């Protein structure tokens, strides 16, 4: 299969992944750019998983103010100062701050949700399903589905990106890890709204 330089350039610009990796993905996808991007996303997630054990020693604190009414401070860590000063890394931090301003998540990830909050949500969803007279045999599936929706609202990494809802924030994080080749972690954030 012949892969054109234009295809490689286009996919590289959209993903930021190296030319070699883009070409491999396009060959594997038989020239289908959308499939190639999906392959690269999958590889990015695997790459992020491998790098997740590496120590975070640097990073940035990004501030974003929206319309003088909403403010966000976010800490994003990386392994080196070199990456912390990188334009792509800074742009990523800014995009995540925008995401937080727009969506108001409560936690970075599911594992930060206190157990008592999770139990309370499960009980609430179960009570809703029972009051709607749903059969008991599908109750667990209903609660599980509602919990997944809750994670999408409450957990930053589970949220669809405000710029591209075909990707989650976790997908964006995996992409930047793959692009920059370092462990990157969204450590914490705080969101302020005037009067709250």
Foldseek 3Di string as FASTA:
>chain_A
DDEDPVLLVVLCVVQVFDSVLLVVLCVVVVNDSVSSNVVVLVVLLVLLVVQQPDDFDAADWDWDQDPVFKIKTWTKTWRDVVLRPDPVRNVLNVQLRVQCRVQVAAEQAPVPDDPVNVVVLLVVQLVVCVVVVHDPVCSVVSSVVVVLVVRCRHHQQSDQRPVGSVHGSVSVLSSVCNNVVIHMGGDDMDMGGPPD
